[in-house]
Amino acid sequence: MNKHDDSLADLFTEDVDIFFPKFGTARGKAALARFGERIGRQLRSLEHEIDGLVFAGDRIAVEGKEQGATNDGLS
């Protein structure tokens, strides 16, 4: 999450849950912001190919494949 654009956080509720491979889970808007800062520091590039969205009541999940490179050149 871009720390300079707080409007992105408005898309989420306070009880947001996030899971990202190699980074683990986070819960809540503050944790989501920390996750965004961490991933932003560690990744040089990231592409997300969305296979689909899953809706269940008031919840949504984004499923897909990611690829990218870390700042130290790992894929």
Protein backbone atom coordinates (compact mmCIF):
# COMPACT_ATOMS: atom_id res chain seq x y z
CA MET A 1 0.00 0.00 0.00
CA ASN A 2 1.44 3.34 -0.96
CA LYS A 3 1.97 5.32 2.25
CA HIS A 4 1.37 8.53 0.29
CA ASP A 5 -2.11 7.49 -0.85
CA ASP A 6 -4.26 6.75 2.18
CA SER A 7 -7.38 6.53 -0.01
CA LEU A 8 -6.39 2.98 -0.99
CA ALA A 9 -6.93 1.90 2.62
CA ASP A 10 -10.54 3.12 2.33
CA LEU A 11 -11.25 0.14 0.06
CA PHE A 12 -10.79 -2.21 3.04
CA THR A 13 -12.61 -2.75 6.32
CA GLU A 14 -10.76 -2.66 9.64
CA ASP A 15 -10.82 -6.47 9.82
CA VAL A 16 -9.12 -7.02 6.45
CA ASP A 17 -7.16 -10.29 6.19
CA ILE A 18 -4.33 -10.64 3.71
CA PHE A 19 -2.16 -13.60 2.80
CA PHE A 20 0.79 -13.38 0.46
CA PRO A 21 3.22 -16.28 -0.07
CA LYS A 22 6.67 -15.72 1.48
CA PHE A 23 5.27 -12.84 3.56
CA GLY A 24 2.58 -14.61 5.54
CA THR A 25 -0.64 -13.16 6.84
CA ALA A 26 -1.73 -9.77 8.11
CA ARG A 27 -4.96 -8.60 9.75
CA GLY A 28 -6.27 -5.05 9.97
CA LYS A 29 -5.58 -1.85 8.08
CA ALA A 30 -2.43 -1.02 10.06
CA ALA A 31 -0.98 -4.47 9.35
CA LEU A 32 -1.91 -4.12 5.68
CA ALA A 33 -0.03 -0.80 5.54
CA ARG A 34 3.04 -2.39 7.16
CA PHE A 35 2.81 -5.27 4.67
CA GLY A 36 2.69 -2.80 1.78
CA GLU A 37 5.72 -0.93 3.07
CA ARG A 38 7.65 -4.18 3.56
CA ILE A 39 6.85 -5.60 0.15
CA GLY A 40 7.62 -2.23 -1.43
CA ARG A 41 11.09 -2.22 0.11
CA GLN A 42 11.89 -5.80 -0.91
CA LEU A 43 10.56 -6.02 -4.46
CA ARG A 44 11.97 -4.47 -7.59
CA SER A 45 9.01 -5.63 -9.69
CA LEU A 46 5.77 -7.54 -9.27
CA GLU A 47 3.18 -8.64 -11.79
CA HIS A 48 -0.12 -10.15 -10.78
CA GLU A 49 -2.13 -12.22 -13.23
CA ILE A 50 -5.63 -12.46 -11.78
CA ASP A 51 -7.32 -15.78 -12.51
CA GLY A 52 -10.50 -14.72 -10.81
CA LEU A 53 -12.36 -13.03 -8.03
CA VAL A 54 -14.29 -15.03 -5.47
CA PHE A 55 -17.29 -13.33 -3.85
CA ALA A 56 -18.91 -14.73 -0.71
CA GLY A 57 -21.43 -12.39 0.89
CA ASP A 58 -19.52 -9.27 1.90
CA ARG A 59 -16.12 -10.86 1.30
CA ILE A 60 -13.90 -10.98 -1.76
CA ALA A 61 -10.78 -12.97 -2.56
CA VAL A 62 -8.40 -12.36 -5.44
CA GLU A 63 -6.78 -15.49 -6.79
CA GLY A 64 -4.02 -15.61 -9.34
CA LYS A 65 -0.33 -15.91 -10.04
CA GLU A 66 2.43 -13.47 -9.20
CA GLN A 67 5.89 -13.14 -10.59
CA GLY A 68 8.57 -10.60 -10.05
CA ALA A 69 12.03 -9.93 -8.71
CA THR A 70 13.42 -8.84 -5.39
CA ASN A 71 15.81 -5.93 -5.06
CA ASP A 72 18.68 -8.40 -4.76
CA GLY A 73 17.73 -10.04 -8.08
CA LEU A 74 15.95 -13.19 -6.91
CA SER A 75 12.90 -14.30 -8.90
